Amino acid sequence: YAPRVKVVLAAAESASATAGAWRLGGSLTGVLSAQRPGNMADDVTWLPLGAASGQQARQRYAQLREADALGLDVLVAVMPANDGVGVALRDRLIRAAGLSDGRVFASGWRQSRNVI
């Protein structure tokens, strides 16, 4: 699934700040994560995922579609753990963000098996 919303990848600890920066730039912004980021502005939409990797796998595409349905401009996606099912989930988020070429992107995160 190729979402219309711009997907920006971030580590959990930088998701709120990343979303805030896009919001201040005038973008209708959301965050896709297992836990609601602290200090997130009230007008940033939180699209929750389950805590377990299996739940995240089932919910990720539904939440990407929800972001499109809501008309979000930017969706800050928190990268899952880099193990087990998380490896496949990370790959799908990288592809949704259009970053499968290994470029450096949001919040200092790089495509690497050892980062985050």
PDB file of N, CA and C in Angstrom:
ATOM      1  N   TYR A   1       0.843  -1.186   0.000  1.00  0.00           N
ATOM      2  CA  TYR A   1       0.000   0.000   0.000  1.00  0.00           C
ATOM      3  C   TYR A   1       0.880   1.239   0.000  1.00  0.00           C
ATOM      4  N   ALA A   2       0.634   2.129  -0.925  1.00  0.00           N
ATOM      5  CA  ALA A   2       1.377   3.379  -1.023  1.00  0.00           C
ATOM      6  C   ALA A   2       0.477   4.519  -0.537  1.00  0.00           C
ATOM      7  N   PRO A   3       0.673   4.974   0.688  1.00  0.00           N
ATOM      8  CA  PRO A   3      -0.202   6.026   1.225  1.00  0.00           C
ATOM      9  C   PRO A   3       0.002   7.361   0.517  1.00  0.00           C
ATOM     10  N   ARG A   4      -1.053   8.179   0.505  1.00  0.00           N
ATOM     11  CA  ARG A   4      -0.945   9.547  -0.022  1.00  0.00           C
ATOM     12  C   ARG A   4      -0.250  10.449   0.977  1.00  0.00           C
ATOM     13  N   VAL A   5      -0.452  10.182   2.275  1.00  0.00           N
ATOM     14  CA  VAL A   5       0.170  10.987   3.324  1.00  0.00           C
ATOM     15  C   VAL A   5       1.686  10.840   3.250  1.00  0.00           C
ATOM     16  N   LYS A   6       2.397  11.917   3.527  1.00  0.00           N
ATOM     17  CA  LYS A   6       3.858  11.853   3.602  1.00  0.00           C
ATOM     18  C   LYS A   6       4.222  11.149   4.903  1.00  0.00           C
ATOM     19  N   VAL A   7       4.939  10.048   4.812  1.00  0.00           N
ATOM     20  CA  VAL A   7       5.357   9.288   5.983  1.00  0.00           C
ATOM     21  C   VAL A   7       6.776   9.705   6.343  1.00  0.00           C
ATOM     22  N   VAL A   8       6.952  10.134   7.598  1.00  0.00           N
ATOM     23  CA  VAL A   8       8.248  10.543   8.126  1.00  0.00           C
ATOM     24  C   VAL A   8       8.598   9.592   9.259  1.00  0.00           C
ATOM     25  N   LEU A   9       9.774   8.999   9.205  1.00  0.00           N
ATOM     26  CA  LEU A   9      10.183   8.028  10.219  1.00  0.00           C
ATOM     27  C   LEU A   9      10.911   8.710  11.361  1.00  0.00           C
ATOM     28  N   ALA A  10      10.658   8.234  12.575  1.00  0.00           N
ATOM     29  CA  ALA A  10      11.289   8.830  13.757  1.00  0.00           C
ATOM     30  C   ALA A  10      11.440   7.785  14.854  1.00  0.00           C
ATOM     31  N   ALA A  11      12.382   8.013  15.729  1.00  0.00           N
ATOM     32  CA  ALA A  11      12.519   7.211  16.939  1.00  0.00           C
ATOM     33  C   ALA A  11      11.438   7.659  17.922  1.00  0.00           C
ATOM     34  N   ALA A  12      11.064   6.789  18.837  1.00  0.00           N
ATOM     35  CA  ALA A  12      10.001   7.099  19.797  1.00  0.00           C
ATOM     36  C   ALA A  12      10.281   8.389  20.560  1.00  0.00           C
ATOM     37  N   GLU A  13      11.526   8.580  20.973  1.00  0.00           N
ATOM     38  CA  GLU A  13      11.850   9.754  21.797  1.00  0.00           C
ATOM     39  C   GLU A  13      11.814  11.073  21.025  1.00  0.00           C
ATOM     40  N   SER A  14      11.783  11.026  19.702  1.00  0.00           N
ATOM     41  CA  SER A  14      11.739  12.269  18.920  1.00  0.00           C
ATOM     42  C   SER A  14      10.426  12.449  18.159  1.00  0.00           C
ATOM     43  N   ALA A  15       9.482  11.538  18.314  1.00  0.00           N
ATOM     44  CA  ALA A  15       8.234  11.596  17.546  1.00  0.00           C
ATOM     45  C   ALA A  15       7.438  12.866  17.822  1.00  0.00           C
ATOM     46  N   SER A  16       7.298  13.233  19.080  1.00  0.00           N
ATOM     47  CA  SER A  16       6.517  14.412  19.436  1.00  0.00           C
ATOM     48  C   SER A  16       7.139  15.685  18.855  1.00  0.00           C
ATOM     49  N   ALA A  17       8.447  15.827  18.991  1.00  0.00           N
ATOM     50  CA  ALA A  17       9.134  17.014  18.462  1.00  0.00           C
ATOM     51  C   ALA A  17       9.069  17.058  16.936  1.00  0.00           C
ATOM     52  N   THR A  18       9.216  15.908  16.303  1.00  0.00           N
ATOM     53  CA  THR A  18       9.142  15.845  14.845  1.00  0.00           C
ATOM     54  C   THR A  18       7.756  16.236  14.368  1.00  0.00           C
ATOM     55  N   ALA A  19       6.725  15.689  15.004  1.00  0.00           N
ATOM     56  CA  ALA A  19       5.349  16.041  14.650  1.00  0.00           C
ATOM     57  C   ALA A  19       5.096  17.529  14.891  1.00  0.00           C
ATOM     58  N   GLY A  20       5.611  18.043  15.993  1.00  0.00           N
ATOM     59  CA  GLY A  20       5.436  19.455  16.310  1.00  0.00           C
ATOM     60  C   GLY A  20       6.054  20.371  15.269  1.00  0.00           C
ATOM     61  N   ALA A  21       7.213  19.996  14.771  1.00  0.00           N
ATOM     62  CA  ALA A  21       7.875  20.814  13.753  1.00  0.00           C
ATOM     63  C   ALA A  21       7.048  20.857  12.468  1.00  0.00           C
ATOM     64  N   TRP A  22       6.515  19.721  12.056  1.00  0.00           N
ATOM     65  CA  TRP A  22       5.664  19.695  10.864  1.00  0.00           C
ATOM     66  C   TRP A  22       4.387  20.489  11.104  1.00  0.00           C
ATOM     67  N   ARG A  23       3.816  20.356  12.288  1.00  0.00           N
ATOM     68  CA  ARG A  23       2.593  21.069  12.648  1.00  0.00           C
ATOM     69  C   ARG A  23       2.819  22.577  12.599  1.00  0.00           C
ATOM     70  N   LEU A  24       3.928  23.034  13.154  1.00  0.00           N
ATOM     71  CA  LEU A  24       4.225  24.465  13.153  1.00  0.00           C
ATOM     72  C   LEU A  24       4.454  24.984  11.738  1.00  0.00           C
ATOM     73  N   GLY A  25       4.846  24.097  10.850  1.00  0.00           N
ATOM     74  CA  GLY A  25       5.021  24.468   9.449  1.00  0.00           C
ATOM     75  C   GLY A  25       3.711  24.513   8.675  1.00  0.00           C
ATOM     76  N   GLY A  26       2.603  24.227   9.351  1.00  0.00           N
ATOM     77  CA  GLY A  26       1.289  24.325   8.739  1.00  0.00           C
ATOM     78  C   GLY A  26       0.713  23.017   8.238  1.00  0.00           C
ATOM     79  N   SER A  27       1.378  21.912   8.508  1.00  0.00           N
ATOM     80  CA  SER A  27       0.890  20.613   8.037  1.00  0.00           C
ATOM     81  C   SER A  27      -0.066  19.986   9.036  1.00  0.00           C
ATOM     82  N   LEU A  28      -1.133  19.387   8.535  1.00  0.00           N
ATOM     83  CA  LEU A  28      -2.034  18.581   9.355  1.00  0.00           C
ATOM     84  C   LEU A  28      -1.273  17.288   9.635  1.00  0.00           C
ATOM     85  N   THR A  29      -0.975  17.029  10.901  1.00  0.00           N
ATOM     86  CA  THR A  29       0.014  16.015  11.271  1.00  0.00           C
ATOM     87  C   THR A  29      -0.558  14.960  12.199  1.00  0.00           C
ATOM     88  N   GLY A  30      -0.050  13.737  12.050  1.00  0.00           N
ATOM     89  CA  GLY A  30      -0.405  12.638  12.925  1.00  0.00           C
ATOM     90  C   GLY A  30       0.831  11.861  13.329  1.00  0.00           C
ATOM     91  N   VAL A  31       0.667  11.020  14.341  1.00  0.00           N
ATOM     92  CA  VAL A  31       1.743  10.146  14.812  1.00  0.00           C
ATOM     93  C   VAL A  31       1.214   8.718  14.848  1.00  0.00           C
ATOM     94  N   LEU A  32       1.975   7.796  14.290  1.00  0.00           N
ATOM     95  CA  LEU A  32       1.668   6.373  14.289  1.00  0.00           C
ATOM     96  C   LEU A  32       2.638   5.693  15.243  1.00  0.00           C
ATOM     97  N   SER A  33       2.114   5.194  16.377  1.00  0.00           N
ATOM     98  CA  SER A  33       3.002   4.600  17.386  1.00  0.00           C
ATOM     99  C   SER A  33       2.214   3.697  18.328  1.00  0.00           C
ATOM    100  N   ALA A  34       2.945   2.837  19.013  1.00  0.00           N
ATOM    101  CA  ALA A  34       2.319   1.935  19.987  1.00  0.00           C
ATOM    102  C   ALA A  34       1.888   2.692  21.240  1.00  0.00           C
ATOM    103  N   GLN A  35       2.657   3.689  21.637  1.00  0.00           N
ATOM    104  CA  GLN A  35       2.324   4.498  22.811  1.00  0.00           C
ATOM    105  C   GLN A  35       2.203   5.954  22.406  1.00  0.00           C
ATOM    106  N   ARG A  36       1.243   6.642  23.010  1.00  0.00           N
ATOM    107  CA  ARG A  36       1.071   8.066  22.713  1.00  0.00           C
ATOM    108  C   ARG A  36       2.312   8.818  23.181  1.00  0.00           C
ATOM    109  N   PRO A  37       2.932   9.576  22.276  1.00  0.00           N
ATOM    110  CA  PRO A  37       4.117  10.343  22.673  1.00  0.00           C
ATOM    111  C   PRO A  37       3.777  11.391  23.730  1.00  0.00           C
ATOM    112  N   GLY A  38       4.658  11.566  24.698  1.00  0.00           N
ATOM    113  CA  GLY A  38       4.477  12.605  25.702  1.00  0.00           C
ATOM    114  C   GLY A  38       4.626  13.982  25.073  1.00  0.00           C
ATOM    115  N   ASN A  39       3.985  14.964  25.644  1.00  0.00           N
ATOM    116  CA  ASN A  39       4.063  16.352  25.193  1.00  0.00           C
ATOM    117  C   ASN A  39       3.605  16.563  23.757  1.00  0.00           C
ATOM    118  N   MET A  40       2.744  15.688  23.268  1.00  0.00           N
ATOM    119  CA  MET A  40       2.239  15.846  21.909  1.00  0.00           C
ATOM    120  C   MET A  40       1.114  16.872  21.910  1.00  0.00           C
ATOM    121  N   ALA A  41       1.138  17.788  20.966  1.00  0.00           N
ATOM    122  CA  ALA A  41       0.106  18.821  20.875  1.00  0.00           C
ATOM    123  C   ALA A  41      -1.271  18.190  20.672  1.00  0.00           C
ATOM    124  N   ASP A  42      -2.283  18.831  21.231  1.00  0.00           N
ATOM    125  CA  ASP A  42      -3.651  18.306  21.154  1.00  0.00           C
ATOM    126  C   ASP A  42      -4.168  18.204  19.728  1.00  0.00           C
ATOM    127  N   ASP A  43      -3.666  19.049  18.819  1.00  0.00           N
ATOM    128  CA  ASP A  43      -4.163  19.014  17.442  1.00  0.00           C
ATOM    129  C   ASP A  43      -3.340  18.097  16.531  1.00  0.00           C
ATOM    130  N   VAL A  44      -2.464  17.303  17.104  1.00  0.00           N
ATOM    131  CA  VAL A  44      -1.766  16.253  16.360  1.00  0.00           C
ATOM    132  C   VAL A  44      -2.548  14.959  16.592  1.00  0.00           C
ATOM    133  N   THR A  45      -2.913  14.289  15.523  1.00  0.00           N
ATOM    134  CA  THR A  45      -3.711  13.069  15.610  1.00  0.00           C
ATOM    135  C   THR A  45      -2.825  11.882  15.960  1.00  0.00           C
ATOM    136  N   TRP A  46      -3.219  11.135  16.989  1.00  0.00           N
ATOM    137  CA  TRP A  46      -2.485   9.910  17.338  1.00  0.00           C
ATOM    138  C   TRP A  46      -3.221   8.723  16.742  1.00  0.00           C
ATOM    139  N   LEU A  47      -2.517   7.942  15.952  1.00  0.00           N
ATOM    140  CA  LEU A  47      -3.048   6.706  15.391  1.00  0.00           C
ATOM    141  C   LEU A  47      -2.340   5.558  16.106  1.00  0.00           C
ATOM    142  N   PRO A  48      -3.000   4.950  17.089  1.00  0.00           N
ATOM    143  CA  PRO A  48      -2.345   3.951  17.932  1.00  0.00           C
ATOM    144  C   PRO A  48      -2.195   2.591  17.258  1.00  0.00           C
ATOM    145  N   LEU A  49      -1.126   1.929  17.638  1.00  0.00           N
ATOM    146  CA  LEU A  49      -0.872   0.543  17.247  1.00  0.00           C
ATOM    147  C   LEU A  49      -0.841  -0.288  18.508  1.00  0.00           C
ATOM    148  N   GLY A  50      -1.059  -1.572  18.374  1.00  0.00           N
ATOM    149  CA  GLY A  50      -0.926  -2.461  19.525  1.00  0.00           C
ATOM    150  C   GLY A  50       0.522  -2.511  19.990  1.00  0.00           C
ATOM    151  N   ALA A  51       0.724  -2.957  21.205  1.00  0.00           N
ATOM    152  CA  ALA A  51       2.071  -3.019  21.763  1.00  0.00           C
ATOM    153  C   ALA A  51       2.882  -4.180  21.199  1.00  0.00           C
ATOM    154  N   ALA A  52       2.221  -5.285  20.843  1.00  0.00           N
ATOM    155  CA  ALA A  52       2.922  -6.470  20.346  1.00  0.00           C
ATOM    156  C   ALA A  52       3.128  -6.370  18.836  1.00  0.00           C
ATOM    157  N   SER A  53       4.220  -6.932  18.347  1.00  0.00           N
ATOM    158  CA  SER A  53       4.551  -6.881  16.919  1.00  0.00           C
ATOM    159  C   SER A  53       3.439  -7.445  16.048  1.00  0.00           C
ATOM    160  N   GLY A  54       2.822  -8.537  16.477  1.00  0.00           N
ATOM    161  CA  GLY A  54       1.737  -9.128  15.707  1.00  0.00           C
ATOM    162  C   GLY A  54       0.564  -8.181  15.547  1.00  0.00           C
ATOM    163  N   GLN A  55       0.219  -7.472  16.617  1.00  0.00           N
ATOM    164  CA  GLN A  55      -0.861  -6.477  16.547  1.00  0.00           C
ATOM    165  C   GLN A  55      -0.470  -5.353  15.595  1.00  0.00           C
ATOM    166  N   GLN A  56       0.772  -4.908  15.684  1.00  0.00           N
ATOM    167  CA  GLN A  56       1.240  -3.823  14.826  1.00  0.00           C
ATOM    168  C   GLN A  56       1.174  -4.215  13.360  1.00  0.00           C
ATOM    169  N   ALA A  57       1.525  -5.464  13.068  1.00  0.00           N
ATOM    170  CA  ALA A  57       1.476  -5.933  11.683  1.00  0.00           C
ATOM    171  C   ALA A  57       0.055  -5.866  11.141  1.00  0.00           C
ATOM    172  N   ARG A  58      -0.925  -6.238  11.956  1.00  0.00           N
ATOM    173  CA  ARG A  58      -2.321  -6.220  11.517  1.00  0.00           C
ATOM    174  C   ARG A  58      -2.864  -4.796  11.397  1.00  0.00           C
ATOM    175  N   GLN A  59      -2.417  -3.896  12.248  1.00  0.00           N
ATOM    176  CA  GLN A  59      -2.993  -2.553  12.303  1.00  0.00           C
ATOM    177  C   GLN A  59      -2.288  -1.517  11.433  1.00  0.00           C
ATOM    178  N   ARG A  60      -1.059  -1.761  11.055  1.00  0.00           N
ATOM    179  CA  ARG A  60      -0.266  -0.737  10.360  1.00  0.00           C
ATOM    180  C   ARG A  60      -0.945  -0.248   9.074  1.00  0.00           C
ATOM    181  N   TYR A  61      -1.348  -1.155   8.197  1.00  0.00           N
ATOM    182  CA  TYR A  61      -1.968  -0.722   6.942  1.00  0.00           C
ATOM    183  C   TYR A  61      -3.300  -0.030   7.190  1.00  0.00           C
ATOM    184  N   ALA A  62      -4.070  -0.528   8.140  1.00  0.00           N
ATOM    185  CA  ALA A  62      -5.349   0.120   8.464  1.00  0.00           C
ATOM    186  C   ALA A  62      -5.112   1.545   8.937  1.00  0.00           C
ATOM    187  N   GLN A  63      -4.080   1.765   9.727  1.00  0.00           N
ATOM    188  CA  GLN A  63      -3.809   3.110  10.230  1.00  0.00           C
ATOM    189  C   GLN A  63      -3.239   4.019   9.134  1.00  0.00           C
ATOM    190  N   LEU A  64      -2.474   3.468   8.199  1.00  0.00           N
ATOM    191  CA  LEU A  64      -2.020   4.272   7.061  1.00  0.00           C
ATOM    192  C   LEU A  64      -3.228   4.723   6.228  1.00  0.00           C
ATOM    193  N   ARG A  65      -4.160   3.820   6.030  1.00  0.00           N
ATOM    194  CA  ARG A  65      -5.382   4.179   5.302  1.00  0.00           C
ATOM    195  C   ARG A  65      -6.197   5.223   6.082  1.00  0.00           C
ATOM    196  N   GLU A  66      -6.235   5.087   7.403  1.00  0.00           N
ATOM    197  CA  GLU A  66      -6.947   6.059   8.237  1.00  0.00           C
ATOM    198  C   GLU A  66      -6.298   7.443   8.111  1.00  0.00           C
ATOM    199  N   ALA A  67      -4.988   7.493   8.085  1.00  0.00           N
ATOM    200  CA  ALA A  67      -4.289   8.776   7.917  1.00  0.00           C
ATOM    201  C   ALA A  67      -4.701   9.430   6.606  1.00  0.00           C
ATOM    202  N   ASP A  68      -4.795   8.641   5.541  1.00  0.00           N
ATOM    203  CA  ASP A  68      -5.253   9.179   4.258  1.00  0.00           C
ATOM    204  C   ASP A  68      -6.703   9.642   4.349  1.00  0.00           C
ATOM    205  N   ALA A  69      -7.552   8.847   4.989  1.00  0.00           N
ATOM    206  CA  ALA A  69      -8.968   9.198   5.119  1.00  0.00           C
ATOM    207  C   ALA A  69      -9.155  10.491   5.915  1.00  0.00           C
ATOM    208  N   LEU A  70      -8.297  10.715   6.896  1.00  0.00           N
ATOM    209  CA  LEU A  70      -8.372  11.933   7.705  1.00  0.00           C
ATOM    210  C   LEU A  70      -7.809  13.156   6.983  1.00  0.00           C
ATOM    211  N   GLY A  71      -7.156  12.939   5.864  1.00  0.00           N
ATOM    212  CA  GLY A  71      -6.581  14.044   5.107  1.00  0.00           C
ATOM    213  C   GLY A  71      -5.301  14.596   5.710  1.00  0.00           C
ATOM    214  N   LEU A  72      -4.592  13.761   6.488  1.00  0.00           N
ATOM    215  CA  LEU A  72      -3.339  14.226   7.076  1.00  0.00           C
ATOM    216  C   LEU A  72      -2.325  14.538   5.978  1.00  0.00           C
ATOM    217  N   ASP A  73      -1.523  15.570   6.213  1.00  0.00           N
ATOM    218  CA  ASP A  73      -0.434  15.905   5.297  1.00  0.00           C
ATOM    219  C   ASP A  73       0.805  15.079   5.605  1.00  0.00           C
ATOM    220  N   VAL A  74       1.062  14.883   6.905  1.00  0.00           N
ATOM    221  CA  VAL A  74       2.279  14.202   7.367  1.00  0.00           C
ATOM    222  C   VAL A  74       1.911  13.218   8.462  1.00  0.00           C
ATOM    223  N   LEU A  75       2.497  12.029   8.393  1.00  0.00           N
ATOM    224  CA  LEU A  75       2.342  11.030   9.437  1.00  0.00           C
ATOM    225  C   LEU A  75       3.730  10.650   9.937  1.00  0.00           C
ATOM    226  N   VAL A  76       4.009  10.973  11.192  1.00  0.00           N
ATOM    227  CA  VAL A  76       5.283  10.602  11.817  1.00  0.00           C
ATOM    228  C   VAL A  76       5.118   9.178  12.337  1.00  0.00           C
ATOM    229  N   ALA A  77       5.876   8.257  11.784  1.00  0.00           N
ATOM    230  CA  ALA A  77       5.770   6.842  12.143  1.00  0.00           C
ATOM    231  C   ALA A  77       6.946   6.453  13.026  1.00  0.00           C
ATOM    232  N   VAL A  78       6.634   5.958  14.208  1.00  0.00           N
ATOM    233  CA  VAL A  78       7.674   5.493  15.125  1.00  0.00           C
ATOM    234  C   VAL A  78       8.105   4.100  14.679  1.00  0.00           C
ATOM    235  N   MET A  79       9.403   3.935  14.518  1.00  0.00           N
ATOM    236  CA  MET A  79       9.941   2.667  14.050  1.00  0.00           C
ATOM    237  C   MET A  79       9.837   1.606  15.148  1.00  0.00           C
ATOM    238  N   PRO A  80       9.387   0.393  14.790  1.00  0.00           N
ATOM    239  CA  PRO A  80       9.305  -0.696  15.764  1.00  0.00           C
ATOM    240  C   PRO A  80      10.689  -1.278  16.060  1.00  0.00           C
ATOM    241  N   ALA A  81      10.732  -2.151  17.046  1.00  0.00           N
ATOM    242  CA  ALA A  81      11.986  -2.824  17.405  1.00  0.00           C
ATOM    243  C   ALA A  81      12.533  -3.557  16.184  1.00  0.00           C
ATOM    244  N   ASN A  82      13.840  -3.631  16.111  1.00  0.00           N
ATOM    245  CA  ASN A  82      14.515  -4.224  14.962  1.00  0.00           C
ATOM    246  C   ASN A  82      14.804  -5.704  15.199  1.00  0.00           C
ATOM    247  N   ASP A  83      13.762  -6.455  15.543  1.00  0.00           N
ATOM    248  CA  ASP A  83      13.913  -7.891  15.738  1.00  0.00           C
ATOM    249  C   ASP A  83      12.603  -8.588  15.405  1.00  0.00           C
ATOM    250  N   GLY A  84      12.670  -9.854  15.094  1.00  0.00           N
ATOM    251  CA  GLY A  84      11.474 -10.628  14.784  1.00  0.00           C
ATOM    252  C   GLY A  84      10.631  -9.982  13.704  1.00  0.00           C
ATOM    253  N   VAL A  85       9.321  -9.894  13.949  1.00  0.00           N
ATOM    254  CA  VAL A  85       8.385  -9.289  13.005  1.00  0.00           C
ATOM    255  C   VAL A  85       8.712  -7.813  12.796  1.00  0.00           C
ATOM    256  N   GLY A  86       9.345  -7.189  13.782  1.00  0.00           N
ATOM    257  CA  GLY A  86       9.709  -5.777  13.672  1.00  0.00           C
ATOM    258  C   GLY A  86      10.570  -5.463  12.465  1.00  0.00           C
ATOM    259  N   VAL A  87      11.422  -6.398  12.060  1.00  0.00           N
ATOM    260  CA  VAL A  87      12.282  -6.186  10.887  1.00  0.00           C
ATOM    261  C   VAL A  87      11.416  -5.978   9.643  1.00  0.00           C
ATOM    262  N   ALA A  88      10.417  -6.828   9.458  1.00  0.00           N
ATOM    263  CA  ALA A  88       9.522  -6.698   8.307  1.00  0.00           C
ATOM    264  C   ALA A  88       8.679  -5.422   8.406  1.00  0.00           C
ATOM    265  N   LEU A  89       8.225  -5.083   9.620  1.00  0.00           N
ATOM    266  CA  LEU A  89       7.438  -3.860   9.801  1.00  0.00           C
ATOM    267  C   LEU A  89       8.262  -2.627   9.465  1.00  0.00           C
ATOM    268  N   ARG A  90       9.515  -2.620   9.895  1.00  0.00           N
ATOM    269  CA  ARG A  90      10.409  -1.493   9.591  1.00  0.00           C
ATOM    270  C   ARG A  90      10.578  -1.350   8.078  1.00  0.00           C
ATOM    271  N   ASP A  91      10.775  -2.482   7.401  1.00  0.00           N
ATOM    272  CA  ASP A  91      10.946  -2.460   5.951  1.00  0.00           C
ATOM    273  C   ASP A  91       9.716  -1.856   5.273  1.00  0.00           C
ATOM    274  N   ARG A  92       8.543  -2.226   5.726  1.00  0.00           N
ATOM    275  CA  ARG A  92       7.316  -1.704   5.118  1.00  0.00           C
ATOM    276  C   ARG A  92       7.149  -0.206   5.379  1.00  0.00           C
ATOM    277  N   LEU A  93       7.542   0.244   6.562  1.00  0.00           N
ATOM    278  CA  LEU A  93       7.482   1.687   6.838  1.00  0.00           C
ATOM    279  C   LEU A  93       8.481   2.451   5.979  1.00  0.00           C
ATOM    280  N   ILE A  94       9.662   1.906   5.819  1.00  0.00           N
ATOM    281  CA  ILE A  94      10.675   2.539   4.972  1.00  0.00           C
ATOM    282  C   ILE A  94      10.136   2.683   3.548  1.00  0.00           C
ATOM    283  N   ARG A  95       9.490   1.632   3.069  1.00  0.00           N
ATOM    284  CA  ARG A  95       8.906   1.683   1.725  1.00  0.00           C
ATOM    285  C   ARG A  95       7.760   2.692   1.661  1.00  0.00           C
ATOM    286  N   ALA A  96       6.903   2.729   2.691  1.00  0.00           N
ATOM    287  CA  ALA A  96       5.794   3.695   2.721  1.00  0.00           C
ATOM    288  C   ALA A  96       6.315   5.123   2.717  1.00  0.00           C
ATOM    289  N   ALA A  97       7.482   5.322   3.328  1.00  0.00           N
ATOM    290  CA  ALA A  97       8.094   6.651   3.368  1.00  0.00           C
ATOM    291  C   ALA A  97       8.838   6.968   2.070  1.00  0.00           C
ATOM    292  N   GLY A  98       8.932   5.981   1.163  1.00  0.00           N
ATOM    293  CA  GLY A  98       9.639   6.195  -0.095  1.00  0.00           C
ATOM    294  C   GLY A  98      11.136   6.279   0.088  1.00  0.00           C
ATOM    295  N   LEU A  99      11.655   5.603   1.109  1.00  0.00           N
ATOM    296  CA  LEU A  99      13.074   5.729   1.451  1.00  0.00           C
ATOM    297  C   LEU A  99      13.825   4.408   1.350  1.00  0.00           C
ATOM    298  N   SER A 100      13.436   3.578   0.449  1.00  0.00           N
ATOM    299  CA  SER A 100      14.092   2.270   0.354  1.00  0.00           C
ATOM    300  C   SER A 100      15.466   2.338  -0.281  1.00  0.00           C
ATOM    301  N   ASP A 101      15.951   3.562  -0.596  1.00  0.00           N
ATOM    302  CA  ASP A 101      17.278   3.687  -1.189  1.00  0.00           C
ATOM    303  C   ASP A 101      18.377   3.921  -0.147  1.00  0.00           C
ATOM    304  N   GLY A 102      18.047   3.926   1.154  1.00  0.00           N
ATOM    305  CA  GLY A 102      19.044   4.022   2.204  1.00  0.00           C
ATOM    306  C   GLY A 102      19.461   5.430   2.577  1.00  0.00           C
ATOM    307  N   ARG A 103      18.718   6.446   2.142  1.00  0.00           N
ATOM    308  CA  ARG A 103      19.060   7.825   2.503  1.00  0.00           C
ATOM    309  C   ARG A 103      18.907   8.059   3.999  1.00  0.00           C
ATOM    310  N   VAL A 104      19.568   9.096   4.503  1.00  0.00           N
ATOM    311  CA  VAL A 104      19.386   9.531   5.893  1.00  0.00           C
ATOM    312  C   VAL A 104      18.100  10.347   5.941  1.00  0.00           C
ATOM    313  N   PHE A 105      17.300  10.144   7.000  1.00  0.00           N
ATOM    314  CA  PHE A 105      16.039  10.871   7.077  1.00  0.00           C
ATOM    315  C   PHE A 105      15.689  11.230   8.508  1.00  0.00           C
ATOM    316  N   ALA A 106      14.456  11.565   8.769  1.00  0.00           N
ATOM    317  CA  ALA A 106      13.944  12.219   9.969  1.00  0.00           C
ATOM    318  C   ALA A 106      14.643  11.874  11.270  1.00  0.00           C
ATOM    319  N   SER A 107      14.838  12.880  12.045  1.00  0.00           N
ATOM    320  CA  SER A 107      15.274  12.776  13.428  1.00  0.00           C
ATOM    321  C   SER A 107      16.577  12.005  13.599  1.00  0.00           C
ATOM    322  N   GLY A 108      17.458  12.114  12.632  1.00  0.00           N
ATOM    323  CA  GLY A 108      18.758  11.467  12.739  1.00  0.00           C
ATOM    324  C   GLY A 108      18.726   9.971  12.530  1.00  0.00           C
ATOM    325  N   TRP A 109      17.577   9.423  12.147  1.00  0.00           N
ATOM    326  CA  TRP A 109      17.446   7.980  11.956  1.00  0.00           C
ATOM    327  C   TRP A 109      18.012   7.615  10.606  1.00  0.00           C
ATOM    328  N   ARG A 110      18.766   6.536  10.538  1.00  0.00           N
ATOM    329  CA  ARG A 110      19.291   6.035   9.275  1.00  0.00           C
ATOM    330  C   ARG A 110      18.822   4.611   9.072  1.00  0.00           C
ATOM    331  N   GLN A 111      18.699   4.245   7.826  1.00  0.00           N
ATOM    332  CA  GLN A 111      18.335   2.858   7.510  1.00  0.00           C
ATOM    333  C   GLN A 111      19.513   1.982   7.881  1.00  0.00           C
ATOM    334  N   SER A 112      19.397   1.279   8.967  1.00  0.00           N
ATOM    335  CA  SER A 112      20.461   0.414   9.450  1.00  0.00           C
ATOM    336  C   SER A 112      19.859  -0.592  10.401  1.00  0.00           C
ATOM    337  N   ARG A 113      20.368  -1.759  10.415  1.00  0.00           N
ATOM    338  CA  ARG A 113      19.855  -2.781  11.318  1.00  0.00           C
ATOM    339  C   ARG A 113      20.279  -2.482  12.760  1.00  0.00           C
ATOM    340  N   ASN A 114      21.205  -1.567  12.964  1.00  0.00           N
ATOM    341  CA  ASN A 114      21.737  -1.296  14.298  1.00  0.00           C
ATOM    342  C   ASN A 114      21.250   0.010  14.913  1.00  0.00           C
ATOM    343  N   VAL A 115      20.425   0.748  14.215  1.00  0.00           N
ATOM    344  CA  VAL A 115      19.977   2.052  14.694  1.00  0.00           C
ATOM    345  C   VAL A 115      18.587   1.926  15.275  1.00  0.00           C
ATOM    346  N   ILE A 116      18.309   2.730  16.294  1.00  0.00           N
ATOM    347  CA  ILE A 116      17.045   2.858  17.032  1.00  0.00           C
ATOM    348  C   ILE A 116      16.925   1.906  18.133  1.00  0.00           C
TER     349      ILE A 116
END
